[in-house]
Amino acid sequence: MLIYPVFPPTFWSYDKSLELVNRKVLLPPLGLITVAAILPQTWEFKLCDRNIREVTEEEWDWAEIVIFSAMIVQKTDLLTQIKEAKLRGKCVAVGGPYATSVPSEVQEAGADFLVLDEGEITLPMFVEALQRGETQGTIRTEEKPDVTSTPIPRYDLLELDAYDSMSVQFSRGCPFQCEFCDIIILYGRKPRTKTPTQLLKELDYLYELGWRRGVFMVDDNFIGNKRNVKLLLKELKIWQKDHQYPFRFNTEASVDLAQDLELMELMVESNFDAVFLGIETPDEESLKLTKKFQNTRDSLTDTIDILIRAGLRPMAGFIIGFDGEKTGAATRIIRFVENAAIPTAMFGMLQALPHTALWHRLEKEGRLRVDSKQDINQSTLMNFVPTRPIEDIAQEYIEAFWTLYDAENFLDRTYRCFLKLGTPKCHPPFKFPSWVDLRALAIVIWRQGFKRNTRWKFWHHFFGILKHNTPVWEHYLTVCAHNEHFLEYRQIVRQEIEDQLQEFKAREKQKTLQKLEFNPMAEKIYD
């Protein structure tokens, strides 16, 4: 039994947007269906994504072995489900990024086997341990597998209709050395890629299963090995044309993508229409401090403009709370996002992820906060002591998130982006929209075109796109619909950060009072 734990509401959950199209989750658990493909195919498999539904009693009874994989943001539900499985007397095996980074907490929850690091190597070792009759153990390796041996994931185990997009992976690892990033810790700095033929077989399988929507290339840096990714794209664009463009792709890449015109053109010709970029901050000193040197070589605003005009809608990640950061960092990020016309800007407070260079530096300096939440999310306070007051950073963060996803600001930014967005080079055959799509369109038009006080702006911008950049109108409306999620999520962020800030202040007060407890005037002194 393969079980994927619940995600709390996050920037990427798109809950309200997915409700419009009658889907429950943005992306499937690619790691677990890859695990299912690596394990012996004589085994029987069932999968439950708890973001879609609960595990049934029949599934619990049926399972001989229960396997979990999770990221740190899924920590709470993971530990709960491990305990649930052990109460039912099941053999439990756990792997994935969270267990690999913090195995002790998973072990304390009751896991029998920790199958850590990359499964191409450790899963066969797990099977051998079972065959020897072992009932517990920790299995890990420092070796990085050759991903050209990775089998096609078991997409057939998924409840496909529940997902908005599918996931495929071409490469693992990233060549850069950003201090706060755990990708280079988990997967190394030498990008390893599949072969083009191998990836196209995965797409063939998705096509055979009837998938005809978006596909997210989940690589942490899709262009980490530019030579190999170009070889893939040259074959992918032919595959897409031969199959009448059944998939639209998006991915994550470093900003040096904008320096390679051939690479951008190949992506657009393969029907990539969006790319996520780790901008982090427009403050060059912070970028240098965190060793994100690749973002300091060219104007970041010009970089975004080049990508947009090439036909790639930018999504970008930003961070507040770097050491030495000056007051007003959030305001500078807002100004950059608006000037660059980035519709979707993920914004979070800096977190020290386990075993990163940042983690080790802060641990050495005695600045890690052991009393903080450790399920890293956009609605989580920093888990270390920053160089300026955390109250100031948190307040800036709340105000910035609120401002970025104000309905009027979002519409204006999206409009400016799509006015100059490069024309698509792929032209799938026309198909009549489904009832679900028509219903979603009607809801968006009702809410944004009639119900809200931004209605006049909505219609002005929509007709402006129809007039000045007609081919992108459908893509434009899709992005407009995304703010249905962000309008609600910004309220969650504000409430949760304010609650945590109050808890933090109460703890700090208690610590101070304990130091002053010898003094009967302690409370007055503190106040």
Protein backbone atom coordinates (compact mmCIF):
# COMPACT_ATOMS: atom_id res chain seq x y z
CA MET A 1 0.00 0.00 0.00
CA LEU A 2 1.53 3.31 -1.14
CA ILE A 3 0.26 6.28 0.87
CA TYR A 4 0.96 9.95 0.11
CA PRO A 5 0.38 12.27 3.13
CA VAL A 6 -1.72 15.42 3.15
CA PHE A 7 -0.31 18.80 2.13
CA PRO A 8 -1.50 21.76 4.22
CA PRO A 9 -2.78 24.72 2.17
CA THR A 10 0.25 26.10 0.31
CA PHE A 11 1.05 28.62 -2.39
CA TRP A 12 0.99 25.77 -4.92
CA SER A 13 -2.14 23.96 -3.75
CA TYR A 14 -4.40 26.14 -5.96
CA ASP A 15 -7.43 24.84 -4.04
CA LYS A 16 -10.01 27.38 -5.21
CA SER A 17 -8.70 27.36 -8.77
CA LEU A 18 -8.89 23.57 -8.97
CA GLU A 19 -12.44 23.59 -7.64
CA LEU A 20 -13.41 25.50 -10.78
CA VAL A 21 -12.41 22.57 -13.00
CA ASN A 22 -13.58 19.83 -10.62
CA ARG A 23 -10.09 18.59 -9.74
CA LYS A 24 -8.66 17.99 -6.30
CA VAL A 25 -4.87 18.15 -6.59
CA LEU A 26 -2.41 20.01 -8.79
CA LEU A 27 0.20 17.23 -9.20
CA PRO A 28 0.48 13.49 -8.46
CA PRO A 29 3.03 11.75 -6.16
CA LEU A 30 5.64 11.04 -8.84
CA GLY A 31 8.07 9.67 -6.25
CA LEU A 32 5.67 6.96 -5.04
CA ILE A 33 4.66 5.77 -8.51
CA THR A 34 8.36 5.60 -9.39
CA VAL A 35 8.91 3.53 -6.22
CA ALA A 36 6.14 1.20 -7.41
CA ALA A 37 7.92 0.80 -10.75
CA ILE A 38 11.30 -0.01 -9.12
CA LEU A 39 9.92 -2.60 -6.68
CA PRO A 40 9.29 -6.18 -7.95
CA GLN A 41 6.45 -6.17 -10.45
CA THR A 42 5.27 -9.50 -9.04
CA TRP A 43 4.04 -7.48 -6.03
CA GLU A 44 0.49 -6.10 -6.02
CA PHE A 45 0.18 -2.35 -5.52
CA LYS A 46 -2.53 0.05 -4.43
CA LEU A 47 -2.03 3.80 -4.00
CA CYS A 48 -3.88 6.32 -1.88
CA ASP A 49 -3.15 10.02 -2.25
CA ARG A 50 -4.62 11.40 0.97
CA ASN A 51 -4.96 14.79 -0.70
CA ILE A 52 -7.74 13.14 -2.70
CA ARG A 53 -9.32 10.69 -0.26
CA GLU A 54 -8.87 8.66 2.93
CA VAL A 55 -7.38 5.17 3.01
CA THR A 56 -10.28 2.71 3.15
CA GLU A 57 -10.64 -0.01 5.77
CA GLU A 58 -10.47 -2.59 2.99
CA GLU A 59 -7.11 -1.16 1.85
CA TRP A 60 -5.72 -1.20 5.40
CA ASP A 61 -6.81 -4.84 5.79
CA TRP A 62 -5.41 -5.79 2.38
CA ALA A 63 -1.95 -4.25 2.88
CA GLU A 64 0.99 -6.37 4.02
CA ILE A 65 3.52 -3.55 3.68
CA VAL A 66 2.71 0.17 3.87
CA ILE A 67 5.09 2.57 2.12
CA PHE A 68 5.18 6.34 2.66
CA SER A 69 7.08 9.13 0.93
CA ALA A 70 6.84 12.80 1.90
CA MET A 71 8.37 16.24 1.80
CA ILE A 72 8.94 18.28 4.96
CA VAL A 73 5.73 20.25 4.45
CA GLN A 74 3.80 16.95 4.76
CA LYS A 75 5.47 16.08 8.06
CA THR A 76 2.41 16.32 10.34
CA ASP A 77 0.21 13.92 8.38
CA LEU A 78 3.12 11.59 7.62
CA LEU A 79 3.88 11.00 11.30
CA THR A 80 0.17 10.55 12.06
CA GLN A 81 -0.26 7.97 9.29
CA ILE A 82 2.85 6.03 10.34
CA LYS A 83 1.36 5.67 13.82
CA GLU A 84 -1.99 4.65 12.31
CA ALA A 85 -0.31 1.92 10.27
CA LYS A 86 1.59 0.62 13.30
CA LEU A 87 -1.61 0.52 15.38
CA ARG A 88 -2.94 -1.84 12.70
CA GLY A 89 0.15 -4.03 12.94
CA LYS A 90 1.55 -3.21 9.52
CA CYS A 91 5.16 -3.30 8.37
CA VAL A 92 5.99 0.34 7.55
CA ALA A 93 8.69 1.60 5.19
CA VAL A 94 9.36 5.31 4.73
CA GLY A 95 11.50 7.22 2.25
CA GLY A 96 11.53 10.50 0.37
CA PRO A 97 13.14 13.90 0.99
CA TYR A 98 11.85 14.44 4.54
CA ALA A 99 12.86 11.05 5.89
CA THR A 100 16.23 11.32 4.15
CA SER A 101 16.89 14.71 5.77
CA VAL A 102 15.42 14.02 9.25
CA PRO A 103 15.27 10.23 9.73
CA SER A 104 15.08 10.38 13.55
CA GLU A 105 11.55 11.81 13.67
CA VAL A 106 10.23 9.18 11.26
CA GLN A 107 11.90 6.42 13.25
CA GLU A 108 10.45 7.74 16.52
CA ALA A 109 6.96 7.64 14.95
CA GLY A 110 7.37 3.87 14.53
CA ALA A 111 8.65 3.23 11.01
CA ASP A 112 10.19 -0.25 10.64
CA PHE A 113 12.32 0.49 7.58
CA LEU A 114 13.91 3.77 6.56
CA VAL A 115 14.61 3.47 2.84
CA LEU A 116 16.51 6.70 2.27
CA ASP A 117 18.34 8.56 -0.49
CA GLU A 118 17.55 7.57 -4.09
CA GLY A 119 15.39 4.50 -4.58
CA GLU A 120 17.07 3.06 -7.65
CA ILE A 121 19.82 1.88 -5.27
CA THR A 122 18.13 1.56 -1.87
CA LEU A 123 14.82 -0.08 -2.87
CA PRO A 124 16.49 -3.27 -4.19
CA MET A 125 18.44 -3.36 -0.91
CA PHE A 126 15.11 -3.10 0.96
CA VAL A 127 13.69 -6.03 -1.00
CA GLU A 128 16.79 -8.10 -0.20
CA ALA A 129 16.37 -7.28 3.51
CA LEU A 130 12.77 -8.53 3.39
CA GLN A 131 13.86 -11.71 1.62
CA ARG A 132 16.39 -12.33 4.40
CA GLY A 133 13.55 -12.12 6.91
CA GLU A 134 14.60 -8.80 8.44
CA THR A 135 11.81 -6.80 10.09
CA GLN A 136 13.49 -3.41 10.49
CA GLY A 137 16.52 -1.39 9.43
CA THR A 138 17.90 1.78 7.90
CA ILE A 139 18.97 1.53 4.28
CA ARG A 140 20.90 4.34 2.65
CA THR A 141 23.73 5.09 0.26
CA GLU A 142 26.03 7.95 -0.72
CA GLU A 143 26.08 6.71 -4.31
CA LYS A 144 24.04 8.61 -6.91
CA PRO A 145 22.24 6.33 -9.37
CA ASP A 146 22.37 6.52 -13.13
CA VAL A 147 18.80 7.64 -13.89
CA THR A 148 18.93 6.12 -17.36
CA SER A 149 18.01 2.89 -15.54
CA THR A 150 14.90 4.37 -13.88
CA PRO A 151 11.77 2.55 -15.09
CA ILE A 152 8.60 4.21 -16.37
CA PRO A 153 6.55 5.35 -13.34
CA ARG A 154 3.33 3.45 -12.61
CA TYR A 155 0.95 6.16 -13.80
CA ASP A 156 -1.75 3.51 -13.99
CA LEU A 157 -1.99 3.51 -10.18
CA LEU A 158 -3.21 7.13 -10.13
CA GLU A 159 -6.77 8.41 -10.04
CA LEU A 160 -6.00 10.49 -13.12
CA ASP A 161 -9.20 12.55 -13.17
CA ALA A 162 -8.36 14.04 -9.75
CA TYR A 163 -5.17 15.78 -11.00
CA ASP A 164 -4.82 18.99 -12.93
CA SER A 165 -1.36 18.17 -14.32
CA MET A 166 0.93 15.17 -14.57
CA SER A 167 4.59 15.03 -13.51
CA VAL A 168 7.61 13.69 -15.34
CA GLN A 169 11.28 13.99 -14.44
CA PHE A 170 14.16 14.35 -16.89
CA SER A 171 17.04 15.22 -14.55
CA ARG A 172 18.17 15.30 -10.92
CA GLY A 173 20.66 17.66 -9.35
CA CYS A 174 21.70 21.26 -9.92
CA PRO A 175 25.15 22.70 -10.74
CA PHE A 176 24.82 25.79 -8.53
CA GLN A 177 25.64 26.24 -4.83
CA CYS A 178 22.86 28.35 -3.27
CA GLU A 179 23.40 28.31 0.48
CA PHE A 180 19.76 27.71 1.45
CA CYS A 181 18.95 24.97 -1.08
CA ASP A 182 18.71 21.28 -0.13
CA ILE A 183 18.49 19.98 -3.71
CA ILE A 184 22.27 19.88 -4.02
CA ILE A 185 22.41 18.04 -0.67
CA LEU A 186 19.81 15.44 -1.68
CA TYR A 187 20.73 14.98 -5.35
CA GLY A 188 24.17 16.48 -5.86
CA ARG A 189 25.61 19.24 -8.02
CA LYS A 190 26.16 17.12 -11.12
CA PRO A 191 22.87 16.98 -13.05
CA ARG A 192 22.04 13.44 -14.14
CA THR A 193 19.60 13.05 -17.03
CA LYS A 194 17.49 10.38 -18.60
CA THR A 195 17.81 9.69 -22.31
CA PRO A 196 15.39 11.37 -24.73
CA THR A 197 14.04 7.95 -25.76
CA GLN A 198 13.45 7.05 -22.12
CA LEU A 199 11.44 10.19 -21.41
CA LEU A 200 9.42 9.91 -24.61
CA LYS A 201 8.39 6.39 -23.54
CA GLU A 202 6.99 7.90 -20.35
CA LEU A 203 5.01 10.37 -22.44
CA ASP A 204 3.84 7.51 -24.67
CA TYR A 205 2.49 5.76 -21.58
CA LEU A 206 0.65 8.87 -20.39
CA TYR A 207 -0.77 9.30 -23.89
CA GLU A 208 -1.95 5.67 -23.95
CA LEU A 209 -3.67 6.20 -20.59
CA GLY A 210 -5.64 9.05 -22.18
CA TRP A 211 -3.89 12.02 -20.58
CA ARG A 212 -4.33 15.21 -22.63
CA ARG A 213 -3.60 18.07 -20.25
CA GLY A 214 -0.61 19.79 -18.67
CA VAL A 215 2.66 18.08 -17.78
CA PHE A 216 5.06 19.55 -15.24
CA MET A 217 8.73 18.71 -15.78
CA VAL A 218 9.59 18.47 -12.09
CA ASP A 219 13.37 18.92 -12.47
CA ASP A 220 14.72 21.38 -9.91
CA ASN A 221 16.72 22.93 -12.73
CA PHE A 222 15.54 21.66 -16.11
CA ILE A 223 18.50 23.28 -17.90
CA GLY A 224 21.19 22.08 -15.47
CA ASN A 225 22.68 20.04 -18.32
CA LYS A 226 21.99 22.22 -21.36
CA ARG A 227 23.54 19.84 -23.86
CA ASN A 228 21.32 16.94 -22.86
CA VAL A 229 18.16 19.01 -22.50
CA LYS A 230 18.60 20.32 -26.05
CA LEU A 231 18.91 16.74 -27.30
CA LEU A 232 15.63 15.96 -25.54
CA LEU A 233 13.80 19.02 -26.85
CA LYS A 234 14.83 18.36 -30.44
CA GLU A 235 13.08 14.99 -30.23
CA LEU A 236 10.24 16.21 -28.03
CA LYS A 237 9.12 18.87 -30.48
CA ILE A 238 8.83 16.19 -33.18
CA TRP A 239 6.93 13.86 -30.81
CA GLN A 240 4.54 16.67 -29.91
CA LYS A 241 3.87 17.54 -33.55
CA ASP A 242 3.33 13.88 -34.50
CA HIS A 243 0.82 13.50 -31.64
CA GLN A 244 -0.90 16.87 -32.37
CA TYR A 245 0.42 18.56 -29.21
CA PRO A 246 -1.46 16.61 -26.52
CA PHE A 247 0.57 18.12 -23.66
CA ARG A 248 1.52 21.63 -22.61
CA PHE A 249 4.65 21.75 -20.46
CA ASN A 250 6.05 23.94 -17.72
CA THR A 251 9.12 23.53 -15.57
CA GLU A 252 11.68 25.16 -13.28
CA ALA A 253 14.96 26.61 -14.52
CA SER A 254 17.79 28.93 -13.54
CA VAL A 255 17.78 32.49 -14.90
CA ASP A 256 20.62 31.77 -17.36
CA LEU A 257 17.92 30.24 -19.58
CA ALA A 258 17.41 33.76 -20.97
CA GLN A 259 20.99 33.77 -22.26
CA ASP A 260 20.32 30.80 -24.58
CA LEU A 261 18.00 31.77 -27.43
CA GLU A 262 18.18 28.30 -29.01
CA LEU A 263 17.10 26.65 -25.78
CA MET A 264 14.14 29.01 -25.30
CA GLU A 265 13.05 28.49 -28.91
CA LEU A 266 13.23 24.70 -28.55
CA MET A 267 11.13 24.88 -25.37
CA VAL A 268 8.44 26.98 -27.02
CA GLU A 269 8.45 24.72 -30.09
CA SER A 270 7.88 21.76 -27.73
CA ASN A 271 4.85 23.55 -26.21
CA PHE A 272 6.40 24.82 -22.99
CA ASP A 273 4.41 27.90 -21.99
CA ALA A 274 5.67 28.74 -18.46
CA VAL A 275 8.82 28.49 -16.38
CA PHE A 276 9.48 28.95 -12.65
CA LEU A 277 12.59 30.96 -11.74
CA GLY A 278 14.29 31.31 -8.37
CA ILE A 279 14.80 35.09 -8.35
CA GLU A 280 14.90 35.21 -4.49
CA THR A 281 15.59 38.95 -4.16
CA PRO A 282 16.52 41.99 -6.26
CA ASP A 283 19.12 42.88 -3.56
CA GLU A 284 22.46 41.94 -5.10
CA GLU A 285 24.29 41.85 -1.77
CA SER A 286 21.85 39.23 -0.44
CA LEU A 287 22.27 37.16 -3.61
CA LYS A 288 26.05 37.17 -3.19
CA LEU A 289 25.80 36.32 0.50
CA THR A 290 23.62 33.29 -0.21
CA LYS A 291 25.93 32.29 -3.09
CA LYS A 292 23.31 32.69 -5.80
CA PHE A 293 25.89 34.23 -8.10
CA GLN A 294 24.08 33.18 -11.29
CA ASN A 295 21.43 35.82 -10.52
CA THR A 296 23.95 38.67 -10.41
CA ARG A 297 25.40 38.38 -13.91
CA ASP A 298 22.64 40.13 -15.87
CA SER A 299 19.76 42.49 -15.20
CA LEU A 300 16.99 40.37 -13.68
CA THR A 301 14.30 42.64 -15.12
CA ASP A 302 15.79 42.24 -18.61
CA THR A 303 16.00 38.49 -18.07
CA ILE A 304 12.27 38.28 -17.31
CA ASP A 305 11.45 40.46 -20.32
CA ILE A 306 13.45 38.19 -22.66
CA LEU A 307 11.63 35.10 -21.39
CA ILE A 308 8.19 36.71 -21.74
CA ARG A 309 8.84 37.88 -25.30
CA ALA A 310 10.11 34.39 -26.17
CA GLY A 311 6.72 32.98 -25.14
CA LEU A 312 7.45 31.70 -21.63
CA ARG A 313 5.23 33.05 -18.86
CA PRO A 314 7.40 33.64 -15.78
CA MET A 315 6.59 32.30 -12.33
CA ALA A 316 9.13 33.33 -9.72
CA GLY A 317 10.17 32.62 -6.16
CA PHE A 318 11.19 35.35 -3.70
CA ILE A 319 12.61 35.21 -0.18
CA ILE A 320 12.74 37.73 2.64
CA GLY A 321 14.99 37.46 5.69
CA PHE A 322 18.54 37.11 4.34
CA ASP A 323 21.37 38.07 6.69
CA GLY A 324 22.30 41.74 6.44
CA GLU A 325 19.04 42.56 4.68
CA LYS A 326 17.98 46.18 4.99
CA THR A 327 14.54 47.42 6.00
CA GLY A 328 12.08 47.56 3.11
CA ALA A 329 13.16 44.32 1.42
CA ALA A 330 9.54 43.33 0.81
CA THR A 331 8.78 46.69 -0.79
CA ARG A 332 11.74 46.24 -3.13
CA ILE A 333 10.45 42.79 -4.09
CA ILE A 334 6.96 44.18 -4.82
CA ARG A 335 8.51 46.91 -6.97
CA PHE A 336 10.56 44.35 -8.89
CA VAL A 337 7.59 42.01 -9.45
CA GLU A 338 5.45 44.87 -10.71
CA ASN A 339 8.15 46.33 -12.97
CA ALA A 340 8.98 42.92 -14.43
CA ALA A 341 5.26 42.04 -14.85
CA ILE A 342 5.49 38.62 -13.18
CA PRO A 343 1.91 37.39 -12.63
CA THR A 344 2.73 34.60 -10.16
CA ALA A 345 5.30 35.45 -7.49
CA MET A 346 5.83 32.90 -4.72
CA PHE A 347 6.93 34.76 -1.62
CA GLY A 348 8.25 33.25 1.60
CA MET A 349 10.43 33.89 4.63
CA LEU A 350 13.88 32.29 4.55
CA GLN A 351 14.02 28.86 6.18
CA ALA A 352 17.10 26.87 7.13
CA LEU A 353 16.48 23.44 5.61
CA PRO A 354 18.19 20.50 7.36
CA HIS A 355 21.84 19.90 6.42
CA THR A 356 22.10 22.78 3.94
CA ALA A 357 25.10 25.08 4.08
CA LEU A 358 22.81 27.68 5.66
CA TRP A 359 21.70 25.20 8.33
CA HIS A 360 25.27 24.31 9.26
CA ARG A 361 26.37 27.96 9.38
CA LEU A 362 23.47 28.98 11.61
CA GLU A 363 23.93 25.94 13.83
CA LYS A 364 27.58 26.89 14.30
CA GLU A 365 26.51 30.45 15.15
CA GLY A 366 23.87 29.19 17.63
CA ARG A 367 21.02 30.84 15.70
CA LEU A 368 18.70 27.91 14.93
CA ARG A 369 15.37 28.12 16.74
CA VAL A 370 14.40 24.77 18.27
CA ASP A 371 10.96 26.12 19.29
CA SER A 372 9.85 26.90 15.72
CA LYS A 373 7.51 25.01 13.42
CA GLN A 374 9.49 22.63 11.22
CA ASP A 375 6.93 21.92 8.47
CA ILE A 376 8.42 24.59 6.22
CA ASN A 377 5.65 26.48 4.40
CA GLN A 378 4.82 29.99 3.15
CA SER A 379 2.76 30.45 6.33
CA THR A 380 5.65 29.57 8.67
CA LEU A 381 7.85 31.96 10.64
CA MET A 382 11.61 31.73 10.15
CA ASN A 383 13.26 28.84 12.01
CA PHE A 384 16.36 30.83 12.97
CA VAL A 385 17.28 34.15 14.54
CA PRO A 386 17.65 36.72 11.71
CA THR A 387 19.92 39.77 11.71
CA ARG A 388 16.98 42.16 11.98
CA PRO A 389 13.87 41.88 14.18
CA ILE A 390 11.69 38.94 13.17
CA GLU A 391 8.61 41.05 13.92
CA ASP A 392 9.68 43.53 11.22
CA ILE A 393 10.34 40.78 8.69
CA ALA A 394 7.00 39.09 9.41
CA GLN A 395 5.06 42.32 9.08
CA GLU A 396 6.77 43.20 5.81
CA TYR A 397 6.04 39.70 4.56
CA ILE A 398 2.33 39.88 5.38
CA GLU A 399 1.96 43.29 3.76
CA ALA A 400 3.84 42.18 0.64
CA PHE A 401 1.82 38.99 0.16
CA TRP A 402 -1.37 40.97 0.68
CA THR A 403 -0.31 43.60 -1.85
CA LEU A 404 0.94 41.20 -4.52
CA TYR A 405 -2.36 39.31 -4.60
CA ASP A 406 -4.69 42.25 -4.35
CA ALA A 407 -7.21 41.57 -7.14
CA GLU A 408 -6.48 44.84 -8.94
CA ASN A 409 -2.70 44.53 -8.73
CA PHE A 410 -2.81 40.93 -9.95
CA LEU A 411 -5.01 41.78 -12.94
CA ASP A 412 -2.80 44.72 -13.95
CA ARG A 413 0.40 42.69 -13.66
CA THR A 414 -1.01 39.74 -15.60
CA TYR A 415 -2.30 42.06 -18.33
CA ARG A 416 1.10 43.73 -18.79
CA CYS A 417 2.76 40.32 -19.00
CA PHE A 418 0.37 38.91 -21.59
CA LEU A 419 0.42 42.00 -23.77
CA LYS A 420 4.05 41.21 -24.60
CA LEU A 421 3.98 37.40 -24.22
CA GLY A 422 5.41 35.76 -27.33
CA THR A 423 2.93 34.09 -29.67
CA PRO A 424 2.67 30.29 -29.24
CA LYS A 425 4.43 28.27 -31.91
CA CYS A 426 2.40 25.10 -31.36
CA HIS A 427 -1.14 24.81 -32.65
CA PRO A 428 -3.16 21.85 -31.35
CA PRO A 429 -6.29 20.99 -33.34
CA PHE A 430 -9.46 22.72 -32.17
CA LYS A 431 -11.64 20.78 -29.77
CA PHE A 432 -14.89 21.83 -28.21
CA PRO A 433 -14.52 22.77 -24.54
CA SER A 434 -15.94 20.35 -22.01
CA TRP A 435 -18.87 21.16 -19.74
CA VAL A 436 -16.41 21.44 -16.83
CA ASP A 437 -14.29 23.99 -18.72
CA LEU A 438 -17.33 26.03 -19.72
CA ARG A 439 -18.58 26.02 -16.13
CA ALA A 440 -15.16 27.18 -14.87
CA LEU A 441 -15.08 29.97 -17.45
CA ALA A 442 -18.56 31.10 -16.44
CA ILE A 443 -17.60 31.24 -12.75
CA VAL A 444 -14.44 33.25 -13.42
CA ILE A 445 -16.32 35.70 -15.64
CA TRP A 446 -19.11 36.06 -13.05
CA ARG A 447 -16.74 36.65 -10.12
CA GLN A 448 -14.16 38.81 -11.84
CA GLY A 449 -16.29 40.37 -14.57
CA PHE A 450 -19.45 41.17 -12.61
CA LYS A 451 -19.30 40.49 -8.87
CA ARG A 452 -16.06 42.20 -7.81
CA ASN A 453 -15.31 45.91 -7.89
CA THR A 454 -12.49 45.16 -10.36
CA ARG A 455 -15.05 44.18 -13.02
CA TRP A 456 -14.38 47.15 -15.30
CA LYS A 457 -10.65 46.47 -15.20
CA PHE A 458 -11.29 42.77 -15.95
CA TRP A 459 -13.22 43.57 -19.13
CA HIS A 460 -10.82 46.32 -20.22
CA HIS A 461 -7.85 43.97 -19.91
CA PHE A 462 -9.60 40.99 -21.48
CA PHE A 463 -10.66 42.94 -24.58
CA GLY A 464 -7.18 44.46 -24.68
CA ILE A 465 -5.66 40.99 -24.91
CA LEU A 466 -8.18 39.98 -27.58
CA LYS A 467 -7.22 43.05 -29.59
CA HIS A 468 -3.45 43.19 -29.14
CA ASN A 469 -2.36 39.57 -28.54
CA THR A 470 -5.27 37.34 -29.57
CA PRO A 471 -3.43 33.96 -29.60
CA VAL A 472 -2.78 34.06 -25.83
CA TRP A 473 -6.33 34.87 -24.65
CA GLU A 474 -7.08 31.38 -23.30
CA HIS A 475 -3.76 31.22 -21.42
CA TYR A 476 -4.51 34.70 -20.06
CA LEU A 477 -7.90 33.71 -18.64
CA THR A 478 -6.38 30.62 -17.05
CA VAL A 479 -3.89 32.77 -15.14
CA CYS A 480 -6.66 35.20 -14.14
CA ALA A 481 -8.43 32.20 -12.58
CA HIS A 482 -5.36 31.45 -10.43
CA ASN A 483 -6.12 34.45 -8.25
CA GLU A 484 -9.24 32.70 -7.00
CA HIS A 485 -6.76 30.66 -4.95
CA PHE A 486 -4.43 33.50 -3.98
CA LEU A 487 -7.20 35.79 -2.74
CA GLU A 488 -8.08 33.19 -0.14
CA TYR A 489 -4.54 31.98 0.52
CA ARG A 490 -3.26 35.46 1.37
CA GLN A 491 -5.78 35.52 4.22
CA ILE A 492 -4.46 32.18 5.47
CA VAL A 493 -0.90 33.52 5.34
CA ARG A 494 -1.79 36.66 7.27
CA GLN A 495 -3.72 34.81 9.95
CA GLU A 496 -1.17 32.05 10.50
CA ILE A 497 1.84 34.38 10.54
CA GLU A 498 0.12 36.76 12.98
CA ASP A 499 -0.82 33.82 15.24
CA GLN A 500 2.75 32.48 15.21
CA LEU A 501 4.10 35.96 15.83
CA GLN A 502 1.93 36.27 18.95
CA GLU A 503 3.15 32.86 20.15
CA PHE A 504 6.74 33.91 19.48
CA LYS A 505 6.33 37.14 21.44
CA ALA A 506 4.73 35.25 24.34
CA ARG A 507 7.65 32.80 24.46
CA GLU A 508 10.19 35.61 24.33
CA LYS A 509 8.40 37.41 27.15
CA GLN A 510 8.35 34.23 29.24
CA LYS A 511 12.08 33.73 28.71
CA THR A 512 12.80 37.28 29.81
CA LEU A 513 10.56 36.99 32.87
CA GLN A 514 12.35 33.80 33.88
CA LYS A 515 15.62 35.71 33.80
CA LEU A 516 14.05 38.47 35.91
CA GLU A 517 12.08 36.18 38.23
CA PHE A 518 14.19 37.22 41.22
CA ASN A 519 12.74 40.72 40.81
CA PRO A 520 9.15 41.33 42.05
CA MET A 521 8.89 44.10 39.45
CA ALA A 522 9.72 41.67 36.58
CA GLU A 523 6.46 42.09 34.65
CA LYS A 524 6.63 45.86 34.87
CA ILE A 525 10.30 45.88 33.87
CA TYR A 526 9.53 43.76 30.80
CA ASP A 527 6.59 45.89 29.72
